């Protein structure tokens, strides 16, 4: 089990055992405010690039990691 998984499990155990409503509301507020901060706003150009990437993937226009590594090594030398 990773450290992150361990932390999550300990938090879940403590939250399940908690009886203090104000404490639980405070934890919920932390999650809500943190999630808002995690939202990334993209410029229209970035959205266009992501849509183009999705179209490339859908049409099979992709390069394997091995091929990309090969191209990188050829480019570097």
PDB file of N, CA and C in Angstrom:
ATOM      1  N   UNK A   1       0.851  -1.174   0.000  1.00  0.00           N
ATOM      2  CA  UNK A   1       0.000   0.000   0.000  1.00  0.00           C
ATOM      3  C   UNK A   1       0.897   1.238   0.000  1.00  0.00           C
ATOM      4  N   UNK A   2       0.599   2.186  -0.874  1.00  0.00           N
ATOM      5  CA  UNK A   2       1.409   3.395  -0.958  1.00  0.00           C
ATOM      6  C   UNK A   2       1.107   4.316   0.216  1.00  0.00           C
ATOM      7  N   UNK A   3       1.968   5.278   0.413  1.00  0.00           N
ATOM      8  CA  UNK A   3       1.767   6.253   1.478  1.00  0.00           C
ATOM      9  C   UNK A   3       0.465   7.003   1.265  1.00  0.00           C
ATOM     10  N   UNK A   4       0.170   7.363   0.023  1.00  0.00           N
ATOM     11  CA  UNK A   4      -1.064   8.083  -0.278  1.00  0.00           C
ATOM     12  C   UNK A   4      -2.281   7.245   0.085  1.00  0.00           C
ATOM     13  N   UNK A   5      -2.271   5.969  -0.279  1.00  0.00           N
ATOM     14  CA  UNK A   5      -3.383   5.076   0.063  1.00  0.00           C
ATOM     15  C   UNK A   5      -3.533   4.950   1.573  1.00  0.00           C
ATOM     16  N   UNK A   6      -2.417   4.873   2.246  1.00  0.00           N
ATOM     17  CA  UNK A   6      -2.434   4.754   3.704  1.00  0.00           C
ATOM     18  C   UNK A   6      -3.053   5.993   4.346  1.00  0.00           C
ATOM     19  N   UNK A   7      -2.674   7.160   3.869  1.00  0.00           N
ATOM     20  CA  UNK A   7      -3.233   8.416   4.384  1.00  0.00           C
ATOM     21  C   UNK A   7      -4.736   8.454   4.129  1.00  0.00           C
ATOM     22  N   UNK A   8      -5.144   8.098   2.922  1.00  0.00           N
ATOM     23  CA  UNK A   8      -6.574   8.099   2.590  1.00  0.00           C
ATOM     24  C   UNK A   8      -7.352   7.174   3.516  1.00  0.00           C
ATOM     25  N   UNK A   9      -6.830   5.978   3.745  1.00  0.00           N
ATOM     26  CA  UNK A   9      -7.517   5.015   4.608  1.00  0.00           C
ATOM     27  C   UNK A   9      -7.621   5.515   6.046  1.00  0.00           C
ATOM     28  N   UNK A  10      -6.552   6.133   6.551  1.00  0.00           N
ATOM     29  CA  UNK A  10      -6.601   6.678   7.914  1.00  0.00           C
ATOM     30  C   UNK A  10      -7.638   7.789   8.013  1.00  0.00           C
ATOM     31  N   UNK A  11      -7.681   8.658   6.996  1.00  0.00           N
ATOM     32  CA  UNK A  11      -8.664   9.741   7.001  1.00  0.00           C
ATOM     33  C   UNK A  11     -10.087   9.197   6.940  1.00  0.00           C
ATOM     34  N   UNK A  12     -10.305   8.222   6.085  1.00  0.00           N
ATOM     35  CA  UNK A  12     -11.641   7.616   5.976  1.00  0.00           C
ATOM     36  C   UNK A  12     -12.063   7.031   7.317  1.00  0.00           C
ATOM     37  N   UNK A  13     -11.163   6.303   7.971  1.00  0.00           N
ATOM     38  CA  UNK A  13     -11.470   5.718   9.279  1.00  0.00           C
ATOM     39  C   UNK A  13     -11.844   6.794  10.294  1.00  0.00           C
ATOM     40  N   UNK A  14     -11.083   7.881  10.316  1.00  0.00           N
ATOM     41  CA  UNK A  14     -11.348   8.953  11.278  1.00  0.00           C
ATOM     42  C   UNK A  14     -12.659   9.665  10.964  1.00  0.00           C
ATOM     43  N   UNK A  15     -12.936   9.880   9.688  1.00  0.00           N
ATOM     44  CA  UNK A  15     -14.182  10.540   9.302  1.00  0.00           C
ATOM     45  C   UNK A  15     -15.378   9.668   9.672  1.00  0.00           C
ATOM     46  N   UNK A  16     -15.278   8.373   9.419  1.00  0.00           N
ATOM     47  CA  UNK A  16     -16.379   7.465   9.757  1.00  0.00           C
ATOM     48  C   UNK A  16     -16.631   7.406  11.263  1.00  0.00           C
ATOM     49  N   UNK A  17     -15.585   7.537  12.052  1.00  0.00           N
ATOM     50  CA  UNK A  17     -15.727   7.465  13.505  1.00  0.00           C
ATOM     51  C   UNK A  17     -16.152   8.798  14.121  1.00  0.00           C
ATOM     52  N   UNK A  18     -15.995   9.893  13.394  1.00  0.00           N
ATOM     53  CA  UNK A  18     -16.281  11.222  13.938  1.00  0.00           C
ATOM     54  C   UNK A  18     -17.777  11.398  14.194  1.00  0.00           C
ATOM     55  N   UNK A  19     -18.085  12.072  15.309  1.00  0.00           N
ATOM     56  CA  UNK A  19     -19.472  12.359  15.674  1.00  0.00           C
ATOM     57  C   UNK A  19     -19.738  13.866  15.730  1.00  0.00           C
ATOM     58  N   UNK A  20     -18.682  14.667  15.615  1.00  0.00           N
ATOM     59  CA  UNK A  20     -18.800  16.117  15.727  1.00  0.00           C
ATOM     60  C   UNK A  20     -19.206  16.695  14.373  1.00  0.00           C
ATOM     61  N   UNK A  21     -20.430  17.202  14.309  1.00  0.00           N
ATOM     62  CA  UNK A  21     -20.965  17.711  13.043  1.00  0.00           C
ATOM     63  C   UNK A  21     -20.164  18.905  12.527  1.00  0.00           C
ATOM     64  N   UNK A  22     -19.772  19.813  13.413  1.00  0.00           N
ATOM     65  CA  UNK A  22     -19.004  20.989  12.981  1.00  0.00           C
ATOM     66  C   UNK A  22     -17.646  20.574  12.413  1.00  0.00           C
ATOM     67  N   UNK A  23     -17.044  19.579  13.021  1.00  0.00           N
ATOM     68  CA  UNK A  23     -15.771  19.055  12.534  1.00  0.00           C
ATOM     69  C   UNK A  23     -15.937  18.491  11.121  1.00  0.00           C
ATOM     70  N   UNK A  24     -16.991  17.693  10.921  1.00  0.00           N
ATOM     71  CA  UNK A  24     -17.236  17.101   9.604  1.00  0.00           C
ATOM     72  C   UNK A  24     -17.564  18.170   8.565  1.00  0.00           C
ATOM     73  N   UNK A  25     -18.306  19.206   8.970  1.00  0.00           N
ATOM     74  CA  UNK A  25     -18.596  20.308   8.050  1.00  0.00           C
ATOM     75  C   UNK A  25     -17.309  21.034   7.660  1.00  0.00           C
ATOM     76  N   UNK A  26     -16.391  21.187   8.609  1.00  0.00           N
ATOM     77  CA  UNK A  26     -15.110  21.842   8.319  1.00  0.00           C
ATOM     78  C   UNK A  26     -14.304  21.020   7.318  1.00  0.00           C
ATOM     79  N   UNK A  27     -14.305  19.706   7.492  1.00  0.00           N
ATOM     80  CA  UNK A  27     -13.601  18.837   6.540  1.00  0.00           C
ATOM     81  C   UNK A  27     -14.240  18.942   5.161  1.00  0.00           C
ATOM     82  N   UNK A  28     -15.563  18.946   5.125  1.00  0.00           N
ATOM     83  CA  UNK A  28     -16.258  19.074   3.844  1.00  0.00           C
ATOM     84  C   UNK A  28     -15.906  20.398   3.168  1.00  0.00           C
ATOM     85  N   UNK A  29     -15.825  21.467   3.957  1.00  0.00           N
ATOM     86  CA  UNK A  29     -15.479  22.781   3.405  1.00  0.00           C
ATOM     87  C   UNK A  29     -14.072  22.757   2.807  1.00  0.00           C
ATOM     88  N   UNK A  30     -13.156  22.064   3.460  1.00  0.00           N
ATOM     89  CA  UNK A  30     -11.791  21.939   2.929  1.00  0.00           C
ATOM     90  C   UNK A  30     -11.828  21.272   1.557  1.00  0.00           C
ATOM     91  N   UNK A  31     -12.595  20.179   1.448  1.00  0.00           N
ATOM     92  CA  UNK A  31     -12.690  19.483   0.163  1.00  0.00           C
ATOM     93  C   UNK A  31     -13.303  20.375  -0.912  1.00  0.00           C
ATOM     94  N   UNK A  32     -14.356  21.094  -0.564  1.00  0.00           N
ATOM     95  CA  UNK A  32     -15.033  21.948  -1.545  1.00  0.00           C
ATOM     96  C   UNK A  32     -14.107  23.056  -2.026  1.00  0.00           C
ATOM     97  N   UNK A  33     -13.415  23.723  -1.108  1.00  0.00           N
ATOM     98  CA  UNK A  33     -12.541  24.823  -1.520  1.00  0.00           C
ATOM     99  C   UNK A  33     -11.319  24.315  -2.271  1.00  0.00           C
ATOM    100  N   UNK A  34     -10.816  23.152  -1.898  1.00  0.00           N
ATOM    101  CA  UNK A  34      -9.660  22.582  -2.589  1.00  0.00           C
ATOM    102  C   UNK A  34     -10.026  22.179  -4.004  1.00  0.00           C
ATOM    103  N   UNK A  35     -11.201  21.608  -4.191  1.00  0.00           N
ATOM    104  CA  UNK A  35     -11.631  21.193  -5.522  1.00  0.00           C
ATOM    105  C   UNK A  35     -11.780  22.397  -6.439  1.00  0.00           C
ATOM    106  N   UNK A  36     -12.238  23.509  -5.911  1.00  0.00           N
ATOM    107  CA  UNK A  36     -12.369  24.711  -6.733  1.00  0.00           C
ATOM    108  C   UNK A  36     -10.999  25.180  -7.212  1.00  0.00           C
ATOM    109  N   UNK A  37      -9.996  25.054  -6.345  1.00  0.00           N
ATOM    110  CA  UNK A  37      -8.650  25.479  -6.708  1.00  0.00           C
ATOM    111  C   UNK A  37      -8.028  24.556  -7.744  1.00  0.00           C
ATOM    112  N   UNK A  38      -8.478  23.306  -7.784  1.00  0.00           N
ATOM    113  CA  UNK A  38      -7.912  22.331  -8.706  1.00  0.00           C
ATOM    114  C   UNK A  38      -8.451  22.478 -10.128  1.00  0.00           C
ATOM    115  N   UNK A  39      -9.505  23.254 -10.304  1.00  0.00           N
ATOM    116  CA  UNK A  39     -10.083  23.431 -11.632  1.00  0.00           C
ATOM    117  C   UNK A  39      -9.143  24.300 -12.468  1.00  0.00           C
ATOM    118  N   UNK A  40      -8.783  23.798 -13.621  1.00  0.00           N
ATOM    119  CA  UNK A  40      -7.876  24.521 -14.507  1.00  0.00           C
ATOM    120  C   UNK A  40      -8.689  25.122 -15.644  1.00  0.00           C
ATOM    121  N   UNK A  41      -8.542  26.407 -15.833  1.00  0.00           N
ATOM    122  CA  UNK A  41      -9.239  27.066 -16.936  1.00  0.00           C
ATOM    123  C   UNK A  41      -8.326  27.056 -18.154  1.00  0.00           C
ATOM    124  N   UNK A  42      -8.885  26.651 -19.270  1.00  0.00           N
ATOM    125  CA  UNK A  42      -8.107  26.558 -20.501  1.00  0.00           C
ATOM    126  C   UNK A  42      -8.498  27.669 -21.462  1.00  0.00           C
ATOM    127  N   UNK A  43      -7.514  28.138 -22.197  1.00  0.00           N
ATOM    128  CA  UNK A  43      -7.768  29.107 -23.249  1.00  0.00           C
ATOM    129  C   UNK A  43      -8.382  28.381 -24.443  1.00  0.00           C
ATOM    130  N   UNK A  44      -9.095  29.106 -25.305  1.00  0.00           N
ATOM    131  CA  UNK A  44      -9.696  28.462 -26.483  1.00  0.00           C
ATOM    132  C   UNK A  44      -8.670  27.705 -27.325  1.00  0.00           C
ATOM    133  N   UNK A  45      -7.465  28.241 -27.426  1.00  0.00           N
ATOM    134  CA  UNK A  45      -6.420  27.575 -28.207  1.00  0.00           C
ATOM    135  C   UNK A  45      -6.041  26.234 -27.580  1.00  0.00           C
ATOM    136  N   UNK A  46      -6.005  26.193 -26.261  1.00  0.00           N
ATOM    137  CA  UNK A  46      -5.690  24.943 -25.573  1.00  0.00           C
ATOM    138  C   UNK A  46      -6.800  23.916 -25.784  1.00  0.00           C
ATOM    139  N   UNK A  47      -8.049  24.373 -25.719  1.00  0.00           N
ATOM    140  CA  UNK A  47      -9.183  23.479 -25.966  1.00  0.00           C
ATOM    141  C   UNK A  47      -9.121  22.931 -27.389  1.00  0.00           C
ATOM    142  N   UNK A  48      -8.771  23.787 -28.347  1.00  0.00           N
ATOM    143  CA  UNK A  48      -8.658  23.352 -29.739  1.00  0.00           C
ATOM    144  C   UNK A  48      -7.580  22.279 -29.885  1.00  0.00           C
ATOM    145  N   UNK A  49      -6.444  22.481 -29.224  1.00  0.00           N
ATOM    146  CA  UNK A  49      -5.367  21.492 -29.291  1.00  0.00           C
ATOM    147  C   UNK A  49      -5.806  20.157 -28.685  1.00  0.00           C
ATOM    148  N   UNK A  50      -6.541  20.209 -27.582  1.00  0.00           N
ATOM    149  CA  UNK A  50      -7.033  18.975 -26.965  1.00  0.00           C
ATOM    150  C   UNK A  50      -8.025  18.260 -27.878  1.00  0.00           C
ATOM    151  N   UNK A  51      -8.889  19.025 -28.535  1.00  0.00           N
ATOM    152  CA  UNK A  51      -9.849  18.417 -29.463  1.00  0.00           C
ATOM    153  C   UNK A  51      -9.126  17.809 -30.663  1.00  0.00           C
ATOM    154  N   UNK A  52      -8.069  18.479 -31.127  1.00  0.00           N
ATOM    155  CA  UNK A  52      -7.280  17.933 -32.229  1.00  0.00           C
ATOM    156  C   UNK A  52      -6.589  16.639 -31.792  1.00  0.00           C
ATOM    157  N   UNK A  53      -6.113  16.610 -30.558  1.00  0.00           N
ATOM    158  CA  UNK A  53      -5.483  15.395 -30.031  1.00  0.00           C
ATOM    159  C   UNK A  53      -6.480  14.251 -29.972  1.00  0.00           C
ATOM    160  N   UNK A  54      -7.689  14.536 -29.501  1.00  0.00           N
ATOM    161  CA  UNK A  54      -8.737  13.510 -29.455  1.00  0.00           C
ATOM    162  C   UNK A  54      -9.041  12.982 -30.846  1.00  0.00           C
ATOM    163  N   UNK A  55      -9.093  13.884 -31.832  1.00  0.00           N
ATOM    164  CA  UNK A  55      -9.360  13.471 -33.213  1.00  0.00           C
ATOM    165  C   UNK A  55      -8.223  12.596 -33.741  1.00  0.00           C
ATOM    166  N   UNK A  56      -6.981  12.961 -33.426  1.00  0.00           N
ATOM    167  CA  UNK A  56      -5.830  12.143 -33.837  1.00  0.00           C
ATOM    168  C   UNK A  56      -5.925  10.737 -33.245  1.00  0.00           C
ATOM    169  N   UNK A  57      -6.251  10.663 -31.975  1.00  0.00           N
ATOM    170  CA  UNK A  57      -6.367   9.363 -31.314  1.00  0.00           C
ATOM    171  C   UNK A  57      -7.486   8.547 -31.943  1.00  0.00           C
ATOM    172  N   UNK A  58      -8.630   9.173 -32.182  1.00  0.00           N
ATOM    173  CA  UNK A  58      -9.778   8.473 -32.767  1.00  0.00           C
ATOM    174  C   UNK A  58      -9.469   7.943 -34.161  1.00  0.00           C
ATOM    175  N   UNK A  59      -8.648   8.670 -34.917  1.00  0.00           N
ATOM    176  CA  UNK A  59      -8.326   8.246 -36.284  1.00  0.00           C
ATOM    177  C   UNK A  59      -7.095   7.337 -36.335  1.00  0.00           C
ATOM    178  N   UNK A  60      -6.517   7.044 -35.176  1.00  0.00           N
ATOM    179  CA  UNK A  60      -5.354   6.158 -35.140  1.00  0.00           C
ATOM    180  C   UNK A  60      -4.054   6.844 -35.494  1.00  0.00           C
ATOM    181  N   UNK A  61      -4.061   8.146 -35.542  1.00  0.00           N
ATOM    182  CA  UNK A  61      -2.867   8.916 -35.874  1.00  0.00           C
ATOM    183  C   UNK A  61      -2.033   9.108 -34.601  1.00  0.00           C
ATOM    184  N   UNK A  62      -1.402   8.013 -34.158  1.00  0.00           N
ATOM    185  CA  UNK A  62      -0.626   8.033 -32.918  1.00  0.00           C
ATOM    186  C   UNK A  62       0.744   7.411 -33.152  1.00  0.00           C
ATOM    187  N   UNK A  63       1.662   7.682 -32.235  1.00  0.00           N
ATOM    188  CA  UNK A  63       3.004   7.120 -32.289  1.00  0.00           C
ATOM    189  C   UNK A  63       3.233   6.400 -30.967  1.00  0.00           C
ATOM    190  N   UNK A  64       3.747   5.184 -31.030  1.00  0.00           N
ATOM    191  CA  UNK A  64       4.011   4.432 -29.802  1.00  0.00           C
ATOM    192  C   UNK A  64       5.151   5.088 -29.031  1.00  0.00           C
ATOM    193  N   UNK A  65       5.214   4.786 -27.754  1.00  0.00           N
ATOM    194  CA  UNK A  65       6.285   5.339 -26.935  1.00  0.00           C
ATOM    195  C   UNK A  65       7.646   4.853 -27.424  1.00  0.00           C
ATOM    196  N   UNK A  66       7.708   3.595 -27.850  1.00  0.00           N
ATOM    197  CA  UNK A  66       8.968   3.040 -28.361  1.00  0.00           C
ATOM    198  C   UNK A  66       9.417   3.789 -29.615  1.00  0.00           C
ATOM    199  N   UNK A  67       8.481   4.058 -30.517  1.00  0.00           N
ATOM    200  CA  UNK A  67       8.808   4.797 -31.740  1.00  0.00           C
ATOM    201  C   UNK A  67       9.230   6.223 -31.404  1.00  0.00           C
ATOM    202  N   UNK A  68       8.554   6.828 -30.452  1.00  0.00           N
ATOM    203  CA  UNK A  68       8.903   8.182 -30.034  1.00  0.00           C
ATOM    204  C   UNK A  68      10.305   8.214 -29.431  1.00  0.00           C
ATOM    205  N   UNK A  69      10.629   7.219 -28.601  1.00  0.00           N
ATOM    206  CA  UNK A  69      11.983   7.129 -28.031  1.00  0.00           C
ATOM    207  C   UNK A  69      13.023   6.981 -29.132  1.00  0.00           C
ATOM    208  N   UNK A  70      12.703   6.168 -30.142  1.00  0.00           N
ATOM    209  CA  UNK A  70      13.617   5.970 -31.269  1.00  0.00           C
ATOM    210  C   UNK A  70      13.836   7.287 -32.014  1.00  0.00           C
ATOM    211  N   UNK A  71      12.751   8.014 -32.269  1.00  0.00           N
ATOM    212  CA  UNK A  71      12.862   9.301 -32.960  1.00  0.00           C
ATOM    213  C   UNK A  71      13.665  10.296 -32.125  1.00  0.00           C
ATOM    214  N   UNK A  72      13.438  10.289 -30.814  1.00  0.00           N
ATOM    215  CA  UNK A  72      14.187  11.184 -29.930  1.00  0.00           C
ATOM    216  C   UNK A  72      15.679  10.894 -29.983  1.00  0.00           C
ATOM    217  N   UNK A  73      16.035   9.615 -29.918  1.00  0.00           N
ATOM    218  CA  UNK A  73      17.459   9.274 -29.920  1.00  0.00           C
ATOM    219  C   UNK A  73      18.104   9.620 -31.258  1.00  0.00           C
ATOM    220  N   UNK A  74      17.363   9.483 -32.353  1.00  0.00           N
ATOM    221  CA  UNK A  74      17.901   9.864 -33.666  1.00  0.00           C
ATOM    222  C   UNK A  74      18.067  11.378 -33.751  1.00  0.00           C
ATOM    223  N   UNK A  75      17.143  12.109 -33.177  1.00  0.00           N
ATOM    224  CA  UNK A  75      17.187  13.559 -33.218  1.00  0.00           C
ATOM    225  C   UNK A  75      18.336  14.091 -32.356  1.00  0.00           C
ATOM    226  N   UNK A  76      18.602  13.416 -31.242  1.00  0.00           N
ATOM    227  CA  UNK A  76      19.621  13.888 -30.309  1.00  0.00           C
ATOM    228  C   UNK A  76      21.034  13.705 -30.851  1.00  0.00           C
ATOM    229  N   UNK A  77      21.231  12.764 -31.775  1.00  0.00           N
ATOM    230  CA  UNK A  77      22.594  12.487 -32.253  1.00  0.00           C
ATOM    231  C   UNK A  77      22.761  12.829 -33.684  1.00  0.00           C
TER     232      UNK A  77
END
